[in-house]
Amino acid sequence: MMKINSALRYFFVGFIATVLAIVFNPNIQATVSNNSMLLGTPSIAVSPESKDIDYMTNLALMKGHLLVGEELIVAKEAKQAEPHFGHPVEELYIDIENELNDRGVKQFKNTLNNLHDLVKAGAKDTNKFNSMYQQTLLEIDGAISNLPNQERQKPEFVLQVINGLLETAGAEYEAGILDGKIVEVIEYQDSRGFVDYAEILYKNIADTMGSKYSNIDRKIQANMTELKKAWPSALAPETAAMEPAKVSKLIEEIKQNSEKVG
């Protein structure tokens, strides 16, 4: 099977997500400008809410990478952790760099690079690593806090971000497994980090979901609990704990239930 590098995987996942969003999201409309008519392609007018979802999803993917990277550092596996500290700046930052300027948010690329450099050197100074790791999380959280608090607490908004995380996790998990064996450890670990952060995001809206959508909440939480069994630890086992088809099924069920909210 041909191996596609990480940057291309994110491109294809993002492309498919964009196409699906255009087809199914009523907030996104295709408009034709004079220039686009000459090119024969429509330009896409994206609603502010859709831009916020994309922005938040990219930041959430960064946090997922960092979560699993930190787990590996704690496990004394700095070499395995290194790619997960590199991916946020190498693959994701470009998608929000201009957006940060537009929103008046402080750039944090240097912070990501400094943390990555520390891990590449082995992250032997635990106190220094912990300090830089927490500072990095604070700066990402600062970028997240640019979004209106009301929006960040709205289940409909958060669930769309969670779905983006889980869809990416499912693609990464499938890419990491061949014939029931984990053949690409980085992809397995990426997907674990994304699911872990999706769970954190859901906990932030769990009270609202439980009070307003109790039946949906029970189904989503049951699926999330089952889904997490695919990643028994950050250190990848030789044999996959769950078939990719089952992972995809659980993710699809979460998505279907989340679409009933609103």
C-alpha atoms as a PDB file:
ATOM      1  CA  MET A   1       0.000   0.000   0.000  1.00  0.00           C
ATOM      2  CA  MET A   2       1.358   3.409  -0.947  1.00  0.00           C
ATOM      3  CA  LYS A   3       2.259   5.528   2.041  1.00  0.00           C
ATOM      4  CA  ILE A   4       1.010   9.140   1.879  1.00  0.00           C
ATOM      5  CA  ASN A   5       2.959  11.605   4.004  1.00  0.00           C
ATOM      6  CA  SER A   6       1.276  13.403   6.873  1.00  0.00           C
ATOM      7  CA  ALA A   7       0.939  16.755   5.146  1.00  0.00           C
ATOM      8  CA  LEU A   8      -0.866  15.195   2.194  1.00  0.00           C
ATOM      9  CA  ARG A   9      -3.149  13.218   4.499  1.00  0.00           C
ATOM     10  CA  TYR A  10      -4.225  16.433   6.198  1.00  0.00           C
ATOM     11  CA  PHE A  11      -4.757  18.038   2.796  1.00  0.00           C
ATOM     12  CA  PHE A  12      -7.009  15.239   1.600  1.00  0.00           C
ATOM     13  CA  VAL A  13      -8.930  15.066   4.888  1.00  0.00           C
ATOM     14  CA  GLY A  14      -9.408  18.843   4.783  1.00  0.00           C
ATOM     15  CA  PHE A  15     -10.431  18.773   1.116  1.00  0.00           C
ATOM     16  CA  ILE A  16     -13.059  16.086   1.678  1.00  0.00           C
ATOM     17  CA  ALA A  17     -14.350  17.900   4.775  1.00  0.00           C
ATOM     18  CA  THR A  18     -14.666  21.120   2.777  1.00  0.00           C
ATOM     19  CA  VAL A  19     -16.543  19.415  -0.051  1.00  0.00           C
ATOM     20  CA  LEU A  20     -18.941  17.777   2.395  1.00  0.00           C
ATOM     21  CA  ALA A  21     -19.420  21.083   4.190  1.00  0.00           C
ATOM     22  CA  ILE A  22     -20.317  22.818   0.940  1.00  0.00           C
ATOM     23  CA  VAL A  23     -22.825  20.106   0.073  1.00  0.00           C
ATOM     24  CA  PHE A  24     -24.504  19.754   3.457  1.00  0.00           C
ATOM     25  CA  ASN A  25     -23.952  23.016   5.354  1.00  0.00           C
ATOM     26  CA  PRO A  26     -26.562  25.659   4.482  1.00  0.00           C
ATOM     27  CA  ASN A  27     -24.263  28.338   5.894  1.00  0.00           C
ATOM     28  CA  ILE A  28     -21.798  27.843   3.011  1.00  0.00           C
ATOM     29  CA  GLN A  29     -22.821  29.053  -0.422  1.00  0.00           C
ATOM     30  CA  ALA A  30     -21.052  29.009  -3.767  1.00  0.00           C
ATOM     31  CA  THR A  31     -20.902  32.416  -5.438  1.00  0.00           C
ATOM     32  CA  VAL A  32     -19.526  33.284  -8.861  1.00  0.00           C
ATOM     33  CA  SER A  33     -17.344  36.366  -9.256  1.00  0.00           C
ATOM     34  CA  ASN A  34     -16.115  37.902 -12.512  1.00  0.00           C
ATOM     35  CA  ASN A  35     -12.684  36.357 -12.047  1.00  0.00           C
ATOM     36  CA  SER A  36     -14.028  32.952 -11.141  1.00  0.00           C
ATOM     37  CA  MET A  37     -16.238  32.990 -14.231  1.00  0.00           C
ATOM     38  CA  LEU A  38     -13.138  33.414 -16.366  1.00  0.00           C
ATOM     39  CA  LEU A  39     -11.543  30.486 -14.592  1.00  0.00           C
ATOM     40  CA  GLY A  40     -14.724  28.454 -14.817  1.00  0.00           C
ATOM     41  CA  THR A  41     -14.777  27.775 -11.069  1.00  0.00           C
ATOM     42  CA  PRO A  42     -17.051  29.145  -8.332  1.00  0.00           C
ATOM     43  CA  SER A  43     -15.671  31.027  -5.336  1.00  0.00           C
ATOM     44  CA  ILE A  44     -16.932  29.941  -1.938  1.00  0.00           C
ATOM     45  CA  ALA A  45     -18.466  32.380   0.523  1.00  0.00           C
ATOM     46  CA  VAL A  46     -17.912  30.918   3.990  1.00  0.00           C
ATOM     47  CA  SER A  47     -20.089  32.013   6.892  1.00  0.00           C
ATOM     48  CA  PRO A  48     -18.464  33.419  10.059  1.00  0.00           C
ATOM     49  CA  GLU A  49     -19.635  30.357  12.014  1.00  0.00           C
ATOM     50  CA  SER A  50     -18.033  27.975   9.515  1.00  0.00           C
ATOM     51  CA  LYS A  51     -14.775  29.932   9.735  1.00  0.00           C
ATOM     52  CA  ASP A  52     -14.916  29.664  13.511  1.00  0.00           C
ATOM     53  CA  ILE A  53     -15.446  25.902  13.311  1.00  0.00           C
ATOM     54  CA  ASP A  54     -12.454  25.478  10.986  1.00  0.00           C
ATOM     55  CA  TYR A  55     -10.329  27.717  13.205  1.00  0.00           C
ATOM     56  CA  MET A  56     -11.284  25.868  16.375  1.00  0.00           C
ATOM     57  CA  THR A  57     -10.811  22.455  14.743  1.00  0.00           C
ATOM     58  CA  ASN A  58      -7.247  23.295  13.715  1.00  0.00           C
ATOM     59  CA  LEU A  59      -6.428  24.444  17.236  1.00  0.00           C
ATOM     60  CA  ALA A  60      -8.063  21.301  18.628  1.00  0.00           C
ATOM     61  CA  LEU A  61      -5.929  19.111  16.352  1.00  0.00           C
ATOM     62  CA  MET A  62      -2.847  20.899  17.685  1.00  0.00           C
ATOM     63  CA  LYS A  63      -3.883  20.141  21.246  1.00  0.00           C
ATOM     64  CA  GLY A  64      -4.508  16.508  20.350  1.00  0.00           C
ATOM     65  CA  HIS A  65      -0.960  16.204  19.035  1.00  0.00           C
ATOM     66  CA  LEU A  66       0.453  17.804  22.159  1.00  0.00           C
ATOM     67  CA  LEU A  67      -1.601  15.606  24.496  1.00  0.00           C
ATOM     68  CA  VAL A  68      -0.253  12.365  23.066  1.00  0.00           C
ATOM     69  CA  GLY A  69       3.231  13.853  22.776  1.00  0.00           C
ATOM     70  CA  GLU A  70       3.232  14.708  26.472  1.00  0.00           C
ATOM     71  CA  GLU A  71       2.070  11.173  27.304  1.00  0.00           C
ATOM     72  CA  LEU A  72       5.066   9.813  25.447  1.00  0.00           C
ATOM     73  CA  ILE A  73       7.461  12.190  27.207  1.00  0.00           C
ATOM     74  CA  VAL A  74       6.131  10.976  30.557  1.00  0.00           C
ATOM     75  CA  ALA A  75       6.706   7.418  29.322  1.00  0.00           C
ATOM     76  CA  LYS A  76      10.355   8.382  28.576  1.00  0.00           C
ATOM     77  CA  GLU A  77       9.811   8.027  24.842  1.00  0.00           C
ATOM     78  CA  ALA A  78      11.086  11.391  23.569  1.00  0.00           C
ATOM     79  CA  LYS A  79      11.977   9.939  20.157  1.00  0.00           C
ATOM     80  CA  GLN A  80       8.399   8.752  19.613  1.00  0.00           C
ATOM     81  CA  ALA A  81       7.068  12.038  21.014  1.00  0.00           C
ATOM     82  CA  GLU A  82       9.073  14.262  18.655  1.00  0.00           C
ATOM     83  CA  PRO A  83       6.785  14.065  15.568  1.00  0.00           C
ATOM     84  CA  HIS A  84       3.759  15.016  17.660  1.00  0.00           C
ATOM     85  CA  PHE A  85       5.424  18.242  18.736  1.00  0.00           C
ATOM     86  CA  GLY A  86       6.460  18.940  15.155  1.00  0.00           C
ATOM     87  CA  HIS A  87       3.119  18.360  13.433  1.00  0.00           C
ATOM     88  CA  PRO A  88       1.285  21.368  14.958  1.00  0.00           C
ATOM     89  CA  VAL A  89       3.751  23.819  13.457  1.00  0.00           C
ATOM     90  CA  GLU A  90       4.718  21.840  10.351  1.00  0.00           C
ATOM     91  CA  GLU A  91       1.231  20.824   9.195  1.00  0.00           C
ATOM     92  CA  LEU A  92      -1.441  22.859  10.951  1.00  0.00           C
ATOM     93  CA  TYR A  93      -0.124  26.314  11.767  1.00  0.00           C
ATOM     94  CA  ILE A  94      -0.190  27.493   8.151  1.00  0.00           C
ATOM     95  CA  ASP A  95      -3.982  27.056   8.148  1.00  0.00           C
ATOM     96  CA  ILE A  96      -4.484  29.569  10.962  1.00  0.00           C
ATOM     97  CA  GLU A  97      -1.499  31.918  10.644  1.00  0.00           C
ATOM     98  CA  ASN A  98      -3.341  34.575   8.666  1.00  0.00           C
ATOM     99  CA  GLU A  99      -6.470  33.928  10.686  1.00  0.00           C
ATOM    100  CA  LEU A 100      -4.603  34.814  13.894  1.00  0.00           C
ATOM    101  CA  ASN A 101      -3.622  38.163  12.392  1.00  0.00           C
ATOM    102  CA  ASP A 102      -7.183  38.813  11.214  1.00  0.00           C
ATOM    103  CA  ARG A 103      -8.504  38.057  14.680  1.00  0.00           C
ATOM    104  CA  GLY A 104      -5.852  40.103  16.474  1.00  0.00           C
ATOM    105  CA  VAL A 105      -4.469  37.016  18.241  1.00  0.00           C
ATOM    106  CA  LYS A 106      -0.821  36.769  19.245  1.00  0.00           C
ATOM    107  CA  GLN A 107       1.201  34.475  16.977  1.00  0.00           C
ATOM    108  CA  PHE A 108       2.649  31.456  18.792  1.00  0.00           C
ATOM    109  CA  LYS A 109       4.697  29.760  16.080  1.00  0.00           C
ATOM    110  CA  ASN A 110       7.963  30.456  17.906  1.00  0.00           C
ATOM    111  CA  THR A 111       6.586  28.849  21.055  1.00  0.00           C
ATOM    112  CA  LEU A 112       5.681  25.709  19.112  1.00  0.00           C
ATOM    113  CA  ASN A 113       9.103  25.634  17.472  1.00  0.00           C
ATOM    114  CA  ASN A 114      10.931  26.091  20.769  1.00  0.00           C
ATOM    115  CA  LEU A 115       9.023  23.238  22.384  1.00  0.00           C
ATOM    116  CA  HIS A 116       9.674  21.031  19.351  1.00  0.00           C
ATOM    117  CA  ASP A 117      13.408  21.836  19.514  1.00  0.00           C
ATOM    118  CA  LEU A 118      13.501  20.904  23.185  1.00  0.00           C
ATOM    119  CA  VAL A 119      11.873  17.537  22.475  1.00  0.00           C
ATOM    120  CA  LYS A 120      14.180  16.908  19.503  1.00  0.00           C
ATOM    121  CA  ALA A 121      17.081  17.374  21.935  1.00  0.00           C
ATOM    122  CA  GLY A 122      15.592  14.710  24.210  1.00  0.00           C
ATOM    123  CA  ALA A 123      13.618  16.863  26.686  1.00  0.00           C
ATOM    124  CA  LYS A 124      15.983  15.724  29.429  1.00  0.00           C
ATOM    125  CA  ASP A 125      15.181  18.652  31.736  1.00  0.00           C
ATOM    126  CA  THR A 126      11.723  17.686  33.012  1.00  0.00           C
ATOM    127  CA  ASN A 127      11.025  21.022  34.674  1.00  0.00           C
ATOM    128  CA  LYS A 128      11.953  22.955  31.541  1.00  0.00           C
ATOM    129  CA  PHE A 129       9.785  20.695  29.402  1.00  0.00           C
ATOM    130  CA  ASN A 130       6.799  21.015  31.744  1.00  0.00           C
ATOM    131  CA  SER A 131       7.151  24.796  31.811  1.00  0.00           C
ATOM    132  CA  MET A 132       7.379  25.124  28.018  1.00  0.00           C
ATOM    133  CA  TYR A 133       4.586  22.594  27.486  1.00  0.00           C
ATOM    134  CA  GLN A 134       2.207  24.475  29.783  1.00  0.00           C
ATOM    135  CA  GLN A 135       3.130  27.792  28.155  1.00  0.00           C
ATOM    136  CA  THR A 136       2.353  26.330  24.735  1.00  0.00           C
ATOM    137  CA  LEU A 137      -1.040  25.100  25.902  1.00  0.00           C
ATOM    138  CA  LEU A 138      -1.755  28.535  27.389  1.00  0.00           C
ATOM    139  CA  GLU A 139      -1.004  30.245  24.088  1.00  0.00           C
ATOM    140  CA  ILE A 140      -3.217  27.841  22.143  1.00  0.00           C
ATOM    141  CA  ASP A 141      -5.953  28.341  24.737  1.00  0.00           C
ATOM    142  CA  GLY A 142      -5.502  32.079  24.278  1.00  0.00           C
ATOM    143  CA  ALA A 143      -6.164  31.657  20.569  1.00  0.00           C
ATOM    144  CA  ILE A 144      -9.238  29.558  21.367  1.00  0.00           C
ATOM    145  CA  SER A 145     -10.525  32.182  23.794  1.00  0.00           C
ATOM    146  CA  ASN A 146     -10.730  34.631  20.879  1.00  0.00           C
ATOM    147  CA  LEU A 147     -13.933  32.815  19.962  1.00  0.00           C
ATOM    148  CA  PRO A 148     -17.023  34.112  21.774  1.00  0.00           C
ATOM    149  CA  ASN A 149     -17.548  32.269  25.052  1.00  0.00           C
ATOM    150  CA  GLN A 150     -21.203  31.686  24.185  1.00  0.00           C
ATOM    151  CA  GLU A 151     -20.174  29.965  20.950  1.00  0.00           C
ATOM    152  CA  ARG A 152     -17.600  27.765  22.706  1.00  0.00           C
ATOM    153  CA  GLN A 153     -20.257  26.543  25.135  1.00  0.00           C
ATOM    154  CA  LYS A 154     -22.872  25.897  22.467  1.00  0.00           C
ATOM    155  CA  PRO A 155     -23.305  22.117  21.920  1.00  0.00           C
ATOM    156  CA  GLU A 156     -24.064  22.541  18.205  1.00  0.00           C
ATOM    157  CA  PHE A 157     -20.733  24.327  17.697  1.00  0.00           C
ATOM    158  CA  VAL A 158     -18.616  22.053  19.906  1.00  0.00           C
ATOM    159  CA  LEU A 159     -20.068  18.892  18.382  1.00  0.00           C
ATOM    160  CA  GLN A 160     -19.027  20.008  14.888  1.00  0.00           C
ATOM    161  CA  VAL A 161     -15.472  20.489  16.149  1.00  0.00           C
ATOM    162  CA  ILE A 162     -15.593  17.077  17.838  1.00  0.00           C
ATOM    163  CA  ASN A 163     -16.780  15.513  14.585  1.00  0.00           C
ATOM    164  CA  GLY A 164     -13.838  17.086  12.764  1.00  0.00           C
ATOM    165  CA  LEU A 165     -11.433  15.650  15.330  1.00  0.00           C
ATOM    166  CA  LEU A 166     -13.013  12.202  15.198  1.00  0.00           C
ATOM    167  CA  GLU A 167     -13.133  12.057  11.396  1.00  0.00           C
ATOM    168  CA  THR A 168      -9.423  12.893  11.268  1.00  0.00           C
ATOM    169  CA  ALA A 169      -8.750  10.343  14.015  1.00  0.00           C
ATOM    170  CA  GLY A 170     -10.587   7.668  12.057  1.00  0.00           C
ATOM    171  CA  ALA A 171      -8.575   8.399   8.898  1.00  0.00           C
ATOM    172  CA  GLU A 172      -5.288   8.325  10.833  1.00  0.00           C
ATOM    173  CA  TYR A 173      -6.214   5.112  12.633  1.00  0.00           C
ATOM    174  CA  GLU A 174      -7.081   3.355   9.382  1.00  0.00           C
ATOM    175  CA  ALA A 175      -3.829   4.575   7.785  1.00  0.00           C
ATOM    176  CA  GLY A 176      -1.865   3.081  10.670  1.00  0.00           C
ATOM    177  CA  ILE A 177      -3.251  -0.458  10.480  1.00  0.00           C
ATOM    178  CA  LEU A 178      -2.697  -3.256   7.992  1.00  0.00           C
ATOM    179  CA  ASP A 179      -4.104  -6.769   8.404  1.00  0.00           C
ATOM    180  CA  GLY A 180      -4.894  -6.120  12.051  1.00  0.00           C
ATOM    181  CA  LYS A 181      -1.345  -4.973  12.861  1.00  0.00           C
ATOM    182  CA  ILE A 182      -0.261  -1.448  13.747  1.00  0.00           C
ATOM    183  CA  VAL A 183       2.260  -0.667  11.025  1.00  0.00           C
ATOM    184  CA  GLU A 184       2.385   3.136  11.378  1.00  0.00           C
ATOM    185  CA  VAL A 185       2.821   4.003  15.037  1.00  0.00           C
ATOM    186  CA  ILE A 186       2.676   7.779  14.492  1.00  0.00           C
ATOM    187  CA  GLU A 187      -0.782   7.559  12.918  1.00  0.00           C
ATOM    188  CA  TYR A 188      -2.029   5.371  15.758  1.00  0.00           C
ATOM    189  CA  GLN A 189      -0.734   7.913  18.277  1.00  0.00           C
ATOM    190  CA  ASP A 190      -2.123  10.887  16.338  1.00  0.00           C
ATOM    191  CA  SER A 191      -5.578   9.363  16.386  1.00  0.00           C
ATOM    192  CA  ARG A 192      -5.342   8.672  20.126  1.00  0.00           C
ATOM    193  CA  GLY A 193      -4.528  12.324  20.815  1.00  0.00           C
ATOM    194  CA  PHE A 194      -7.432  13.578  18.704  1.00  0.00           C
ATOM    195  CA  VAL A 195      -9.923  11.282  20.417  1.00  0.00           C
ATOM    196  CA  ASP A 196      -8.600  12.261  23.845  1.00  0.00           C
ATOM    197  CA  TYR A 197      -9.120  15.942  23.103  1.00  0.00           C
ATOM    198  CA  ALA A 198     -12.546  15.265  21.599  1.00  0.00           C
ATOM    199  CA  GLU A 199     -13.477  13.676  24.922  1.00  0.00           C
ATOM    200  CA  ILE A 200     -12.225  16.743  26.812  1.00  0.00           C
ATOM    201  CA  LEU A 201     -14.326  19.019  24.603  1.00  0.00           C
ATOM    202  CA  TYR A 202     -17.390  16.872  25.150  1.00  0.00           C
ATOM    203  CA  LYS A 203     -16.988  17.055  28.925  1.00  0.00           C
ATOM    204  CA  ASN A 204     -17.276  20.836  28.611  1.00  0.00           C
ATOM    205  CA  ILE A 205     -20.806  20.491  27.217  1.00  0.00           C
ATOM    206  CA  ALA A 206     -21.819  17.282  29.026  1.00  0.00           C
ATOM    207  CA  ASP A 207     -24.026  19.035  31.598  1.00  0.00           C
ATOM    208  CA  THR A 208     -25.959  20.896  28.899  1.00  0.00           C
ATOM    209  CA  MET A 209     -26.251  17.759  26.785  1.00  0.00           C
ATOM    210  CA  GLY A 210     -27.438  15.741  29.768  1.00  0.00           C
ATOM    211  CA  SER A 211     -30.134  18.246  30.686  1.00  0.00           C
ATOM    212  CA  LYS A 212     -31.383  19.162  27.194  1.00  0.00           C
ATOM    213  CA  TYR A 213     -30.614  16.054  25.146  1.00  0.00           C
ATOM    214  CA  SER A 214     -30.365  13.248  27.671  1.00  0.00           C
ATOM    215  CA  ASN A 215     -31.036  10.401  25.237  1.00  0.00           C
ATOM    216  CA  ILE A 216     -28.521  11.679  22.681  1.00  0.00           C
ATOM    217  CA  ASP A 217     -26.018  12.338  25.456  1.00  0.00           C
ATOM    218  CA  ARG A 218     -26.228   8.730  26.668  1.00  0.00           C
ATOM    219  CA  LYS A 219     -25.661   7.391  23.161  1.00  0.00           C
ATOM    220  CA  ILE A 220     -22.714   9.683  22.427  1.00  0.00           C
ATOM    221  CA  GLN A 221     -21.029   8.966  25.748  1.00  0.00           C
ATOM    222  CA  ALA A 222     -21.529   5.212  25.307  1.00  0.00           C
ATOM    223  CA  ASN A 223     -19.984   5.383  21.833  1.00  0.00           C
ATOM    224  CA  MET A 224     -17.077   7.497  23.069  1.00  0.00           C
ATOM    225  CA  THR A 225     -16.375   5.027  25.883  1.00  0.00           C
ATOM    226  CA  GLU A 226     -16.356   2.144  23.414  1.00  0.00           C
ATOM    227  CA  LEU A 227     -14.295   4.095  20.880  1.00  0.00           C
ATOM    228  CA  LYS A 228     -11.496   4.788  23.353  1.00  0.00           C
ATOM    229  CA  LYS A 229     -10.873   1.059  23.714  1.00  0.00           C
ATOM    230  CA  ALA A 230      -9.090   1.210  20.354  1.00  0.00           C
ATOM    231  CA  TRP A 231      -6.180   3.003  22.067  1.00  0.00           C
ATOM    232  CA  PRO A 232      -5.182   1.064  25.205  1.00  0.00           C
ATOM    233  CA  SER A 233      -2.089   3.273  25.620  1.00  0.00           C
ATOM    234  CA  ALA A 234       0.039   5.860  23.844  1.00  0.00           C
ATOM    235  CA  LEU A 235       2.626   3.142  23.264  1.00  0.00           C
ATOM    236  CA  ALA A 236       1.212   1.229  20.330  1.00  0.00           C
ATOM    237  CA  PRO A 237       0.611  -2.502  20.780  1.00  0.00           C
ATOM    238  CA  GLU A 238       1.656  -4.800  17.947  1.00  0.00           C
ATOM    239  CA  THR A 239      -1.931  -5.881  17.244  1.00  0.00           C
ATOM    240  CA  ALA A 240      -4.764  -3.370  16.905  1.00  0.00           C
ATOM    241  CA  ALA A 241      -7.265  -3.500  19.745  1.00  0.00           C
ATOM    242  CA  MET A 242     -10.109  -2.638  17.375  1.00  0.00           C
ATOM    243  CA  GLU A 243     -10.717  -3.044  13.661  1.00  0.00           C
ATOM    244  CA  PRO A 244     -10.751   0.221  11.662  1.00  0.00           C
ATOM    245  CA  ALA A 245     -14.253  -0.621  10.427  1.00  0.00           C
ATOM    246  CA  LYS A 246     -15.570  -0.623  13.991  1.00  0.00           C
ATOM    247  CA  VAL A 247     -13.764   2.630  14.778  1.00  0.00           C
ATOM    248  CA  SER A 248     -15.379   4.211  11.701  1.00  0.00           C
ATOM    249  CA  LYS A 249     -18.800   2.873  12.686  1.00  0.00           C
ATOM    250  CA  LEU A 250     -18.578   4.335  16.195  1.00  0.00           C
ATOM    251  CA  ILE A 251     -17.423   7.690  14.838  1.00  0.00           C
ATOM    252  CA  GLU A 252     -20.283   7.739  12.324  1.00  0.00           C
ATOM    253  CA  GLU A 253     -22.811   6.956  15.069  1.00  0.00           C
ATOM    254  CA  ILE A 254     -21.473   9.832  17.170  1.00  0.00           C
ATOM    255  CA  LYS A 255     -21.776  12.134  14.165  1.00  0.00           C
ATOM    256  CA  GLN A 256     -25.320  11.008  13.381  1.00  0.00           C
ATOM    257  CA  ASN A 257     -26.435  11.582  16.971  1.00  0.00           C
ATOM    258  CA  SER A 258     -24.699  14.942  17.182  1.00  0.00           C
ATOM    259  CA  GLU A 259     -26.567  16.122  14.077  1.00  0.00           C
ATOM    260  CA  LYS A 260     -29.832  15.734  16.020  1.00  0.00           C
ATOM    261  CA  VAL A 261     -28.759  18.515  18.397  1.00  0.00           C
ATOM    262  CA  GLY A 262     -29.984  22.011  17.695  1.00  0.00           C
END
